[in-house]
Amino acid sequence: VEAAKGNEQAQNTYALMEKPQPFAFIGNVEARDVPFGACDVLVADGFTGNMLLKMYEGVAGAMMANIKGIFKQNAITKLSALMIKNGLMDFKKRMDYTEFGGAPLLGISKPVIKAHGSSNAKAFCSAIRQAKQFSETGVIENIANAVTKSAQASEA
């Protein structure tokens, strides 16, 4: 959306990223569009990113609690819940941060997964799994190569 949104740092970053890059830059996205897959990678300062994540965690928790309350109202709603139990469990799994464990920090030389401060054993196990998978993707090397190529192109 609008390139002039955000503070000076966000606007300067936008100006840099809209220049020809080896990735597809789509610009600013609305927070409401993030859970619908508006972008593959979202870049934000730490405070804003943390606010966005915590908000979605809270909304997911509230939704799950409300859905559970609806299905526990009476015998008919309990029976209904049994009929769609698999779908509800899949939905709950997609909304559960412990399934993911954390998010990779990019732009550094080794795989680092930033886990939630309140992570439990399941979340840490997921973070370790994610770190292993992330290290096997070659993303770090690809970023390093792209930065090197970009620097060489700027010097030329």
Protein backbone atom coordinates (compact mmCIF):
# COMPACT_ATOMS: atom_id res chain seq x y z
CA VAL A 1 0.00 0.00 0.00
CA GLU A 2 1.22 3.53 0.62
CA ALA A 3 4.98 4.04 0.43
CA ALA A 4 4.83 7.08 2.73
CA LYS A 5 3.51 5.07 5.70
CA GLY A 6 5.59 4.54 8.80
CA ASN A 7 8.47 6.29 10.45
CA GLU A 8 11.58 7.59 8.69
CA GLN A 9 13.37 4.24 8.99
CA ALA A 10 10.43 2.38 7.41
CA GLN A 11 10.19 4.90 4.57
CA ASN A 12 13.94 4.73 3.91
CA THR A 13 13.80 0.93 3.92
CA TYR A 14 10.90 1.00 1.48
CA ALA A 15 12.90 3.25 -0.87
CA LEU A 16 15.85 0.84 -0.78
CA MET A 17 13.76 -2.27 -1.29
CA GLU A 18 11.74 -0.92 -4.22
CA LYS A 19 14.94 -0.60 -6.26
CA PRO A 20 15.68 -3.58 -8.51
CA GLN A 21 16.37 -6.56 -6.23
CA PRO A 22 16.80 -10.32 -6.64
CA PHE A 23 13.47 -10.74 -4.84
CA ALA A 24 9.92 -9.62 -5.47
CA PHE A 25 9.16 -6.59 -3.33
CA ILE A 26 5.42 -5.98 -3.02
CA GLY A 27 5.57 -2.97 -0.70
CA ASN A 28 3.75 -2.35 2.54
CA VAL A 29 0.99 -4.74 3.53
CA GLU A 30 -1.94 -4.21 5.83
CA ALA A 31 -1.72 -6.08 9.13
CA ARG A 32 -5.16 -7.60 8.50
CA ASP A 33 -3.84 -9.23 5.30
CA VAL A 34 -0.86 -10.98 6.90
CA PRO A 35 -2.70 -14.12 8.11
CA PHE A 36 -4.16 -14.54 4.62
CA GLY A 37 -0.69 -14.86 3.06
CA ALA A 38 -0.31 -11.30 1.76
CA CYS A 39 3.45 -11.83 1.61
CA ASP A 40 6.01 -14.60 1.97
CA VAL A 41 8.37 -12.50 4.11
CA LEU A 42 7.34 -9.61 6.31
CA VAL A 43 10.02 -7.11 7.33
CA ALA A 44 9.36 -5.06 10.45
CA ASP A 45 11.28 -3.46 13.26
CA GLY A 46 11.42 -5.59 16.41
CA PHE A 47 8.76 -3.66 18.32
CA THR A 48 6.23 -3.65 15.48
CA GLY A 49 6.88 -7.27 14.58
CA ASN A 50 6.50 -8.34 18.19
CA MET A 51 3.23 -6.39 18.51
CA LEU A 52 1.88 -8.04 15.37
CA LEU A 53 2.83 -11.54 16.53
CA LYS A 54 1.48 -11.05 20.05
CA MET A 55 -1.79 -9.67 18.69
CA TYR A 56 -2.28 -12.69 16.44
CA GLU A 57 -1.44 -15.03 19.31
CA GLY A 58 -4.02 -13.31 21.48
CA VAL A 59 -6.67 -13.36 18.77
CA ALA A 60 -5.99 -17.05 18.07
CA GLY A 61 -6.27 -17.88 21.76
CA ALA A 62 -9.48 -15.90 22.11
CA MET A 63 -10.98 -17.52 19.01
CA MET A 64 -10.16 -21.01 20.22
CA ALA A 65 -11.58 -20.31 23.68
CA ASN A 66 -14.78 -18.87 22.21
CA ILE A 67 -15.20 -21.73 19.75
CA LYS A 68 -14.69 -24.21 22.60
CA GLY A 69 -17.30 -22.36 24.67
CA ILE A 70 -19.80 -22.47 21.83
CA PHE A 71 -19.41 -26.22 21.42
CA LYS A 72 -19.72 -26.88 25.16
CA GLN A 73 -23.13 -25.19 25.52
CA ASN A 74 -25.36 -28.27 25.32
CA ALA A 75 -25.65 -31.83 24.05
CA ILE A 76 -26.40 -30.78 20.46
CA THR A 77 -23.38 -28.47 20.22
CA LYS A 78 -21.18 -31.17 21.84
CA LEU A 79 -22.39 -33.66 19.23
CA SER A 80 -21.69 -31.08 16.52
CA ALA A 81 -18.16 -30.67 17.85
CA LEU A 82 -17.58 -34.42 17.62
CA MET A 83 -18.69 -34.37 13.99
CA ILE A 84 -16.12 -31.71 13.05
CA LYS A 85 -13.45 -32.65 15.59
CA ASN A 86 -10.74 -33.39 12.99
CA GLY A 87 -11.23 -30.02 11.30
CA LEU A 88 -11.18 -28.22 14.64
CA MET A 89 -7.98 -30.01 15.67
CA ASP A 90 -6.31 -29.11 12.36
CA PHE A 91 -7.35 -25.49 12.83
CA LYS A 92 -6.06 -25.45 16.40
CA LYS A 93 -2.73 -26.90 15.25
CA ARG A 94 -2.35 -24.18 12.57
CA MET A 95 -2.97 -21.50 15.20
CA ASP A 96 -0.60 -22.96 17.85
CA TYR A 97 2.80 -21.23 18.07
CA THR A 98 4.29 -24.29 19.78
CA GLU A 99 3.88 -26.17 16.49
CA PHE A 100 6.31 -23.73 14.83
CA GLY A 101 8.69 -23.01 17.69
CA GLY A 102 9.86 -19.64 16.46
CA ALA A 103 11.03 -17.64 13.49
CA PRO A 104 14.41 -17.58 11.75
CA LEU A 105 16.55 -14.46 12.11
CA LEU A 106 17.90 -13.55 8.69
CA GLY A 107 21.07 -11.73 7.76
CA ILE A 108 23.40 -13.60 10.09
CA SER A 109 25.93 -16.33 9.30
CA LYS A 110 24.42 -19.21 11.29
CA PRO A 111 20.86 -20.50 11.70
CA VAL A 112 19.13 -18.84 14.65
CA ILE A 113 15.51 -19.45 15.52
CA LYS A 114 13.96 -16.83 17.82
CA ALA A 115 11.69 -18.72 20.18
CA HIS A 116 8.87 -17.31 22.27
CA GLY A 117 9.81 -16.23 25.77
CA SER A 118 7.07 -18.41 27.21
CA SER A 119 7.99 -21.47 25.14
CA ASN A 120 7.33 -24.86 26.65
CA ALA A 121 9.09 -28.14 25.86
CA LYS A 122 6.95 -28.74 22.75
CA ALA A 123 7.78 -25.27 21.40
CA PHE A 124 11.52 -25.78 21.96
CA CYS A 125 11.37 -29.17 20.25
CA SER A 126 9.62 -27.49 17.31
CA ALA A 127 12.25 -24.72 17.28
CA ILE A 128 15.05 -27.29 17.13
CA ARG A 129 13.27 -29.11 14.29
CA GLN A 130 12.81 -25.79 12.50
CA ALA A 131 16.49 -24.86 12.97
CA LYS A 132 17.54 -28.16 11.42
CA GLN A 133 15.20 -27.74 8.47
CA PHE A 134 16.20 -24.10 8.02
CA SER A 135 19.90 -24.94 8.02
CA GLU A 136 19.29 -27.46 5.22
CA THR A 137 17.58 -24.93 2.92
CA GLY A 138 20.68 -22.97 1.97
CA VAL A 139 18.91 -19.67 2.67
CA ILE A 140 21.86 -18.23 4.58
CA GLU A 141 24.25 -18.99 1.72
CA ASN A 142 21.77 -17.61 -0.82
CA ILE A 143 21.47 -14.35 1.13
CA ALA A 144 25.26 -14.08 1.46
CA ASN A 145 25.72 -14.68 -2.28
CA ALA A 146 23.03 -12.13 -3.16
CA VAL A 147 24.60 -9.52 -0.88
CA THR A 148 28.03 -10.16 -2.42
CA LYS A 149 26.62 -9.86 -5.95
CA SER A 150 24.76 -6.70 -5.03
CA ALA A 151 27.90 -5.15 -3.51
CA GLN A 152 29.95 -6.08 -6.58
CA ALA A 153 27.31 -4.59 -8.87
CA SER A 154 27.31 -1.36 -6.83
CA GLU A 155 31.10 -1.10 -7.08
CA ALA A 156 31.04 -1.58 -10.85
